[in-house]
Amino acid sequence: MTVADLPALNASLNALAAVLLATGLVFVRKRQIERHRLCMLAAFAVSIAFLCSYVVYHAHHGSTPFAGRGWVRPFYFSLLVSHVLLAVSVVPLACVTLYRAWGADFARHRAIAVVTFPIWMYVSVTGVVVYWMLYHLYARVP
């Protein structure tokens, strides 16, 4: 695997995190708490792997300019800005949410999880959309 392969890996990790988050939500609603716990821990681990891969990629490659023109440019940058700002908030939110569950403080866990979940899901899904737009839909032709 080369540095050039990391954006696809990052998008795959984001997609996997979204699937694990959604599956974890289904399990908790069905009161399958152990399965919920496993999905959420896996989503957290996948997100940590994403963050490591993302940092390595950008340390070696820098940024990739968006090649789209017209109406799609403000759409892309609005999506990107919301993605980045919310991604920064996911780190402490996920940590606090998991910490409260780990400590069996389930009332406070639920109280923050209803905030954490939609933000984490949005960040995971928009990460895939940003990747698709940047590297496929509007990829620069060398």
C-alpha atoms as a PDB file:
ATOM      1  CA  MET A   1       0.000   0.000   0.000  1.00  0.00           C
ATOM      2  CA  THR A   2       1.290   3.439  -0.910  1.00  0.00           C
ATOM      3  CA  VAL A   3       0.376   6.906   0.327  1.00  0.00           C
ATOM      4  CA  ALA A   4      -1.734   7.292  -2.839  1.00  0.00           C
ATOM      5  CA  ASP A   5      -3.927   4.404  -1.637  1.00  0.00           C
ATOM      6  CA  LEU A   6      -4.760   6.050   1.691  1.00  0.00           C
ATOM      7  CA  PRO A   7      -7.723   8.208   0.549  1.00  0.00           C
ATOM      8  CA  ALA A   8      -9.581   5.077  -0.589  1.00  0.00           C
ATOM      9  CA  LEU A   9      -8.678   3.346   2.678  1.00  0.00           C
ATOM     10  CA  ASN A  10      -9.887   6.384   4.626  1.00  0.00           C
ATOM     11  CA  ALA A  11     -13.201   6.412   2.774  1.00  0.00           C
ATOM     12  CA  SER A  12     -13.585   2.677   3.405  1.00  0.00           C
ATOM     13  CA  LEU A  13     -12.917   3.162   7.106  1.00  0.00           C
ATOM     14  CA  ASN A  14     -15.481   5.979   7.220  1.00  0.00           C
ATOM     15  CA  ALA A  15     -18.045   3.787   5.457  1.00  0.00           C
ATOM     16  CA  LEU A  16     -17.343   0.907   7.829  1.00  0.00           C
ATOM     17  CA  ALA A  17     -17.709   3.232  10.822  1.00  0.00           C
ATOM     18  CA  ALA A  18     -21.115   4.368   9.504  1.00  0.00           C
ATOM     19  CA  VAL A  19     -22.267   0.757   9.070  1.00  0.00           C
ATOM     20  CA  LEU A  20     -21.080  -0.144  12.575  1.00  0.00           C
ATOM     21  CA  LEU A  21     -22.789   2.914  14.065  1.00  0.00           C
ATOM     22  CA  ALA A  22     -26.082   2.123  12.330  1.00  0.00           C
ATOM     23  CA  THR A  23     -25.867  -1.528  13.336  1.00  0.00           C
ATOM     24  CA  GLY A  24     -25.074  -0.535  16.923  1.00  0.00           C
ATOM     25  CA  LEU A  25     -28.155   1.695  16.963  1.00  0.00           C
ATOM     26  CA  VAL A  26     -30.338  -1.167  15.744  1.00  0.00           C
ATOM     27  CA  PHE A  27     -28.922  -3.444  18.446  1.00  0.00           C
ATOM     28  CA  VAL A  28     -29.496  -0.991  21.285  1.00  0.00           C
ATOM     29  CA  ARG A  29     -33.070  -0.399  20.137  1.00  0.00           C
ATOM     30  CA  LYS A  30     -33.600  -4.164  20.222  1.00  0.00           C
ATOM     31  CA  ARG A  31     -32.030  -4.197  23.711  1.00  0.00           C
ATOM     32  CA  GLN A  32     -29.162  -6.381  22.467  1.00  0.00           C
ATOM     33  CA  ILE A  33     -26.715  -4.483  24.638  1.00  0.00           C
ATOM     34  CA  GLU A  34     -23.653  -6.718  24.209  1.00  0.00           C
ATOM     35  CA  ARG A  35     -23.925  -6.548  20.417  1.00  0.00           C
ATOM     36  CA  HIS A  36     -24.439  -2.783  20.663  1.00  0.00           C
ATOM     37  CA  ARG A  37     -21.319  -2.484  22.810  1.00  0.00           C
ATOM     38  CA  LEU A  38     -19.243  -4.503  20.350  1.00  0.00           C
ATOM     39  CA  CYS A  39     -20.420  -2.432  17.369  1.00  0.00           C
ATOM     40  CA  MET A  40     -19.711   0.855  19.092  1.00  0.00           C
ATOM     41  CA  LEU A  41     -16.251  -0.240  20.244  1.00  0.00           C
ATOM     42  CA  ALA A  42     -15.533  -1.440  16.708  1.00  0.00           C
ATOM     43  CA  ALA A  43     -16.765   1.898  15.283  1.00  0.00           C
ATOM     44  CA  PHE A  44     -14.452   3.707  17.703  1.00  0.00           C
ATOM     45  CA  ALA A  45     -11.485   1.497  16.734  1.00  0.00           C
ATOM     46  CA  VAL A  46     -12.194   1.978  13.014  1.00  0.00           C
ATOM     47  CA  SER A  47     -12.427   5.731  13.549  1.00  0.00           C
ATOM     48  CA  ILE A  48      -9.066   5.736  15.345  1.00  0.00           C
ATOM     49  CA  ALA A  49      -7.564   3.773  12.435  1.00  0.00           C
ATOM     50  CA  PHE A  50      -9.073   6.351  10.069  1.00  0.00           C
ATOM     51  CA  LEU A  51      -7.583   9.229  12.042  1.00  0.00           C
ATOM     52  CA  CYS A  52      -4.117   7.649  11.996  1.00  0.00           C
ATOM     53  CA  SER A  53      -4.322   6.975   8.255  1.00  0.00           C
ATOM     54  CA  TYR A  54      -5.654  10.482   7.593  1.00  0.00           C
ATOM     55  CA  VAL A  55      -2.763  12.108   9.486  1.00  0.00           C
ATOM     56  CA  VAL A  56      -0.183   9.944   7.686  1.00  0.00           C
ATOM     57  CA  TYR A  57      -1.698  10.773   4.295  1.00  0.00           C
ATOM     58  CA  HIS A  58      -1.809  14.506   4.854  1.00  0.00           C
ATOM     59  CA  ALA A  59       1.665  14.568   6.422  1.00  0.00           C
ATOM     60  CA  HIS A  60       3.070  12.991   3.247  1.00  0.00           C
ATOM     61  CA  HIS A  61       0.775  14.375   0.564  1.00  0.00           C
ATOM     62  CA  GLY A  62      -0.708  17.651   1.767  1.00  0.00           C
ATOM     63  CA  SER A  63      -4.052  18.754   0.405  1.00  0.00           C
ATOM     64  CA  THR A  64      -5.695  17.896  -2.893  1.00  0.00           C
ATOM     65  CA  PRO A  65      -7.369  20.809  -4.711  1.00  0.00           C
ATOM     66  CA  PHE A  66     -11.021  20.394  -5.649  1.00  0.00           C
ATOM     67  CA  ALA A  67     -11.416  20.495  -9.455  1.00  0.00           C
ATOM     68  CA  GLY A  68     -15.187  21.003  -9.610  1.00  0.00           C
ATOM     69  CA  ARG A  69     -16.530  24.229 -11.107  1.00  0.00           C
ATOM     70  CA  GLY A  70     -19.797  26.122 -10.964  1.00  0.00           C
ATOM     71  CA  TRP A  71     -22.567  25.441  -8.432  1.00  0.00           C
ATOM     72  CA  VAL A  72     -20.878  22.302  -7.120  1.00  0.00           C
ATOM     73  CA  ARG A  73     -17.930  24.278  -5.688  1.00  0.00           C
ATOM     74  CA  PRO A  74     -19.852  26.071  -2.926  1.00  0.00           C
ATOM     75  CA  PHE A  75     -21.764  22.855  -2.245  1.00  0.00           C
ATOM     76  CA  TYR A  76     -18.525  20.866  -1.883  1.00  0.00           C
ATOM     77  CA  PHE A  77     -16.855  23.439   0.355  1.00  0.00           C
ATOM     78  CA  SER A  78     -19.951  23.794   2.549  1.00  0.00           C
ATOM     79  CA  LEU A  79     -20.006  20.034   2.937  1.00  0.00           C
ATOM     80  CA  LEU A  80     -16.266  19.939   3.616  1.00  0.00           C
ATOM     81  CA  VAL A  81     -16.361  22.727   6.211  1.00  0.00           C
ATOM     82  CA  SER A  82     -19.301  21.165   8.083  1.00  0.00           C
ATOM     83  CA  HIS A  83     -17.569  17.776   7.913  1.00  0.00           C
ATOM     84  CA  VAL A  84     -14.287  19.096   9.314  1.00  0.00           C
ATOM     85  CA  LEU A  85     -15.865  21.194  12.085  1.00  0.00           C
ATOM     86  CA  LEU A  86     -18.086  18.356  13.236  1.00  0.00           C
ATOM     87  CA  ALA A  87     -15.220  15.827  12.937  1.00  0.00           C
ATOM     88  CA  VAL A  88     -13.276  17.858  15.480  1.00  0.00           C
ATOM     89  CA  SER A  89     -16.222  17.657  17.886  1.00  0.00           C
ATOM     90  CA  VAL A  90     -16.668  13.895  17.419  1.00  0.00           C
ATOM     91  CA  VAL A  91     -13.373  13.059  19.133  1.00  0.00           C
ATOM     92  CA  PRO A  92     -14.276  14.399  22.607  1.00  0.00           C
ATOM     93  CA  LEU A  93     -17.950  13.483  22.226  1.00  0.00           C
ATOM     94  CA  ALA A  94     -17.176   9.850  21.378  1.00  0.00           C
ATOM     95  CA  CYS A  95     -14.618   9.617  24.175  1.00  0.00           C
ATOM     96  CA  VAL A  96     -17.056  10.961  26.781  1.00  0.00           C
ATOM     97  CA  THR A  97     -19.882   8.778  25.450  1.00  0.00           C
ATOM     98  CA  LEU A  98     -17.751   5.637  25.622  1.00  0.00           C
ATOM     99  CA  TYR A  99     -16.320   6.600  29.014  1.00  0.00           C
ATOM    100  CA  ARG A 100     -19.793   6.940  30.490  1.00  0.00           C
ATOM    101  CA  ALA A 101     -20.864   3.573  29.091  1.00  0.00           C
ATOM    102  CA  TRP A 102     -17.642   1.946  30.309  1.00  0.00           C
ATOM    103  CA  GLY A 103     -18.341   3.314  33.805  1.00  0.00           C
ATOM    104  CA  ALA A 104     -21.929   2.005  33.660  1.00  0.00           C
ATOM    105  CA  ASP A 105     -23.281   5.559  33.913  1.00  0.00           C
ATOM    106  CA  PHE A 106     -25.999   4.679  31.436  1.00  0.00           C
ATOM    107  CA  ALA A 107     -28.356   7.607  32.074  1.00  0.00           C
ATOM    108  CA  ARG A 108     -25.586  10.106  31.295  1.00  0.00           C
ATOM    109  CA  HIS A 109     -24.315   7.837  28.478  1.00  0.00           C
ATOM    110  CA  ARG A 110     -27.719   7.974  26.789  1.00  0.00           C
ATOM    111  CA  ALA A 111     -27.956  11.731  27.320  1.00  0.00           C
ATOM    112  CA  ILE A 112     -24.747  12.405  25.390  1.00  0.00           C
ATOM    113  CA  ALA A 113     -25.158   9.519  22.916  1.00  0.00           C
ATOM    114  CA  VAL A 114     -28.229  11.192  21.395  1.00  0.00           C
ATOM    115  CA  VAL A 115     -25.932  14.108  20.515  1.00  0.00           C
ATOM    116  CA  THR A 116     -22.850  12.067  19.617  1.00  0.00           C
ATOM    117  CA  PHE A 117     -24.538   9.537  17.329  1.00  0.00           C
ATOM    118  CA  PRO A 118     -25.966  11.864  14.642  1.00  0.00           C
ATOM    119  CA  ILE A 119     -22.785  13.950  14.538  1.00  0.00           C
ATOM    120  CA  TRP A 120     -20.555  10.863  14.276  1.00  0.00           C
ATOM    121  CA  MET A 121     -22.805   9.380  11.595  1.00  0.00           C
ATOM    122  CA  TYR A 122     -22.827  12.652   9.631  1.00  0.00           C
ATOM    123  CA  VAL A 123     -19.036  12.865   9.782  1.00  0.00           C
ATOM    124  CA  SER A 124     -18.630   9.247   8.665  1.00  0.00           C
ATOM    125  CA  VAL A 125     -21.046   9.551   5.739  1.00  0.00           C
ATOM    126  CA  THR A 126     -19.867  12.973   4.580  1.00  0.00           C
ATOM    127  CA  GLY A 127     -16.279  11.704   4.709  1.00  0.00           C
ATOM    128  CA  VAL A 128     -17.218   9.172   2.035  1.00  0.00           C
ATOM    129  CA  VAL A 129     -19.062  11.820  -0.006  1.00  0.00           C
ATOM    130  CA  VAL A 130     -16.111  14.234   0.175  1.00  0.00           C
ATOM    131  CA  TYR A 131     -13.762  11.437  -0.950  1.00  0.00           C
ATOM    132  CA  TRP A 132     -16.057  10.487  -3.845  1.00  0.00           C
ATOM    133  CA  MET A 133     -16.421  14.083  -5.005  1.00  0.00           C
ATOM    134  CA  LEU A 134     -12.716  14.904  -4.681  1.00  0.00           C
ATOM    135  CA  TYR A 135     -11.128  11.733  -6.058  1.00  0.00           C
ATOM    136  CA  HIS A 136     -13.762  10.387  -8.459  1.00  0.00           C
ATOM    137  CA  LEU A 137     -16.588  12.702  -9.481  1.00  0.00           C
ATOM    138  CA  TYR A 138     -14.342  15.735 -10.006  1.00  0.00           C
ATOM    139  CA  ALA A 139     -10.918  14.127 -10.099  1.00  0.00           C
ATOM    140  CA  ARG A 140      -8.184  16.048 -11.847  1.00  0.00           C
ATOM    141  CA  VAL A 141      -6.957  14.254 -14.930  1.00  0.00           C
ATOM    142  CA  PRO A 142      -3.142  14.127 -14.911  1.00  0.00           C
END
